[in-house]
C-alpha atoms as a PDB file:
ATOM      1  CA  MET A   1     102.189 103.358 116.218  1.00  0.00           C
ATOM      2  CA  LEU A   2     100.290 106.301 117.703  1.00  0.00           C
ATOM      3  CA  ARG A   3      97.240 104.414 119.551  1.00  0.00           C
ATOM      4  CA  LEU A   4      94.007 106.895 120.640  1.00  0.00           C
ATOM      5  CA  ASN A   5      92.282 107.219 124.250  1.00  0.00           C
ATOM      6  CA  ARG A   6      88.357 107.374 123.796  1.00  0.00           C
ATOM      7  CA  LEU A   7      88.200 111.102 124.229  1.00  0.00           C
ATOM      8  CA  GLN A   8      90.618 111.316 120.765  1.00  0.00           C
ATOM      9  CA  LYS A   9      88.650 108.567 119.455  1.00  0.00           C
ATOM     10  CA  LEU A  10      85.452 109.924 119.188  1.00  0.00           C
ATOM     11  CA  PHE A  11      86.673 113.196 117.683  1.00  0.00           C
ATOM     12  CA  ALA A  12      88.318 111.274 115.794  1.00  0.00           C
ATOM     13  CA  ILE A  13      85.047 110.708 113.440  1.00  0.00           C
ATOM     14  CA  PHE A  14      85.166 113.855 112.034  1.00  0.00           C
ATOM     15  CA  PHE A  15      88.638 113.593 110.576  1.00  0.00           C
ATOM     16  CA  ILE A  16      87.847 109.965 108.578  1.00  0.00           C
ATOM     17  CA  PRO A  17      87.388 111.016 105.229  1.00  0.00           C
ATOM     18  CA  ARG A  18      84.101 109.773 102.740  1.00  0.00           C
ATOM     19  CA  GLY A  19      84.476 106.934 100.961  1.00  0.00           C
ATOM     20  CA  MET A  20      85.803 103.248 100.541  1.00  0.00           C
ATOM     21  CA  TYR A  21      90.100 104.540 101.043  1.00  0.00           C
ATOM     22  CA  CYS A  22      91.824 106.438 103.884  1.00  0.00           C
ATOM     23  CA  ASP A  23      94.294 108.449 101.402  1.00  0.00           C
ATOM     24  CA  GLU A  24      93.549 111.299 102.932  1.00  0.00           C
ATOM     25  CA  CYS A  25      92.767 109.935 106.310  1.00  0.00           C
ATOM     26  CA  PRO A  26      95.344 111.390 109.369  1.00  0.00           C
ATOM     27  CA  PHE A  27      95.196 108.325 111.093  1.00  0.00           C
ATOM     28  CA  TRP A  28      96.483 105.928 108.136  1.00  0.00           C
ATOM     29  CA  SER A  29     100.517 104.941 108.014  1.00  0.00           C
ATOM     30  CA  ASN A  30     102.657 101.956 107.409  1.00  0.00           C
ATOM     31  CA  ASP A  31     105.747 100.275 108.756  1.00  0.00           C
ATOM     32  CA  LYS A  32     108.658  99.963 106.366  1.00  0.00           C
ATOM     33  CA  LYS A  33     109.973  97.716 108.526  1.00  0.00           C
ATOM     34  CA  ARG A  34     107.092  95.421 107.155  1.00  0.00           C
ATOM     35  CA  SER A  35     106.324  94.211 103.630  1.00  0.00           C
ATOM     36  CA  ARG A  36     104.414  96.006 101.247  1.00  0.00           C
ATOM     37  CA  ARG A  37     101.367  94.088 100.948  1.00  0.00           C
ATOM     38  CA  GLU A  38     100.966  94.120 105.317  1.00  0.00           C
ATOM     39  CA  ASN A  39     102.388  97.696 106.164  1.00  0.00           C
ATOM     40  CA  GLY A  40      99.328  99.698 106.405  1.00  0.00           C
ATOM     41  CA  TYR A  41      98.509 101.036 110.360  1.00  0.00           C
ATOM     42  CA  CYS A  42      95.293 103.290 111.458  1.00  0.00           C
ATOM     43  CA  SER A  43      95.960 104.646 114.581  1.00  0.00           C
ATOM     44  CA  TYR A  44      92.271 104.725 114.847  1.00  0.00           C
ATOM     45  CA  LEU A  45      91.986 101.579 115.530  1.00  0.00           C
ATOM     46  CA  GLY A  46      95.591 100.861 116.695  1.00  0.00           C
ATOM     47  CA  LYS A  47      96.488  98.147 114.420  1.00  0.00           C
ATOM     48  CA  GLY A  48      97.933  97.524 110.904  1.00  0.00           C
ATOM     49  CA  ASP A  49      97.462  94.795 108.510  1.00  0.00           C
ATOM     50  CA  TRP A  50     100.184  92.287 110.716  1.00  0.00           C
ATOM     51  CA  ASP A  51      96.755  91.976 112.704  1.00  0.00           C
ATOM     52  CA  LEU A  52      93.659  92.353 110.539  1.00  0.00           C
ATOM     53  CA  ASN A  53      94.907  89.297 108.233  1.00  0.00           C
ATOM     54  CA  ASN A  54      91.921  87.457 108.932  1.00  0.00           C
ATOM     55  CA  GLY A  55      90.257  89.942 110.144  1.00  0.00           C
ATOM     56  CA  ILE A  56      86.368  91.670 108.061  1.00  0.00           C
ATOM     57  CA  LEU A  57      87.676  91.268 105.302  1.00  0.00           C
ATOM     58  CA  GLY A  58      89.340  88.732 105.277  1.00  0.00           C
ATOM     59  CA  ASN A  59      92.760  90.050 104.351  1.00  0.00           C
ATOM     60  CA  SER A  60      93.350  93.600 105.631  1.00  0.00           C
ATOM     61  CA  PHE A  61      93.385  95.482 102.611  1.00  0.00           C
ATOM     62  CA  LEU A  62      95.528  98.725 104.309  1.00  0.00           C
ATOM     63  CA  TRP A  63      98.753  99.166 102.490  1.00  0.00           C
ATOM     64  CA  ASP A  64      96.591  99.753  99.472  1.00  0.00           C
ATOM     65  CA  GLN A  65      94.775 102.327 101.916  1.00  0.00           C
ATOM     66  CA  ILE A  66      91.223 100.358 101.646  1.00  0.00           C
ATOM     67  CA  LYS A  67      89.578 101.490 104.853  1.00  0.00           C
ATOM     68  CA  GLU A  68      89.396  98.447 107.982  1.00  0.00           C
ATOM     69  CA  CYS A  69      87.166 100.684 110.815  1.00  0.00           C
ATOM     70  CA  GLY A  70      83.272 101.122 108.222  1.00  0.00           C
ATOM     71  CA  LEU A  71      83.752 104.735 108.682  1.00  0.00           C
ATOM     72  CA  LYS A  72      82.751 107.271 106.635  1.00  0.00           C
ATOM     73  CA  TYR A  73      81.618 104.441 104.099  1.00  0.00           C
ATOM     74  CA  THR A  74      79.417 105.748 102.008  1.00  0.00           C
ATOM     75  CA  SER A  75      80.201 108.695  99.526  1.00  0.00           C
ATOM     76  CA  LYS A  76      77.887 111.616  99.231  1.00  0.00           C
ATOM     77  CA  SER A  77      78.245 111.034  95.562  1.00  0.00           C
ATOM     78  CA  ASN A  78      77.689 107.610  95.369  1.00  0.00           C
ATOM     79  CA  PRO A  79      76.036 106.364  98.598  1.00  0.00           C
ATOM     80  CA  LYS A  80      75.972 102.526  96.945  1.00  0.00           C
ATOM     81  CA  ASP A  81      80.000 102.392  97.119  1.00  0.00           C
ATOM     82  CA  ARG A  82      79.227  99.889 100.294  1.00  0.00           C
ATOM     83  CA  GLU A  83      77.044  98.101  98.298  1.00  0.00           C
ATOM     84  CA  VAL A  84      79.432  97.691  94.938  1.00  0.00           C
ATOM     85  CA  PHE A  85      82.016  96.786  96.855  1.00  0.00           C
ATOM     86  CA  ASP A  86      79.998  94.160  99.187  1.00  0.00           C
ATOM     87  CA  ARG A  87      79.234  93.358  95.784  1.00  0.00           C
ATOM     88  CA  TRP A  88      82.282  92.543  94.450  1.00  0.00           C
ATOM     89  CA  TYR A  89      84.687  91.649  96.731  1.00  0.00           C
ATOM     90  CA  ASN A  90      81.891  88.832  97.288  1.00  0.00           C
ATOM     91  CA  GLU A  91      82.411  87.063  93.836  1.00  0.00           C
ATOM     92  CA  LYS A  92      85.460  86.826  93.745  1.00  0.00           C
END
């Protein structure tokens, strides 16, 4: 799996898409050797679902291409995306 150095991380922000999904993010990948719900990997973070479970949101959803980095989380079209997601997640 690819890991980024500090300089690469500095410029990576330009390639991370807006919104809560990393479906078009060049840093997202999956590890086909792992189970479906634990195979997401973010080379920007240098971590996968297997590292992040019980992390920021309790469980990592990289496998479903939901961001764990939190960068550019809101979209231009709906600046309240993060608020809506947080409200939905906390209701569970």
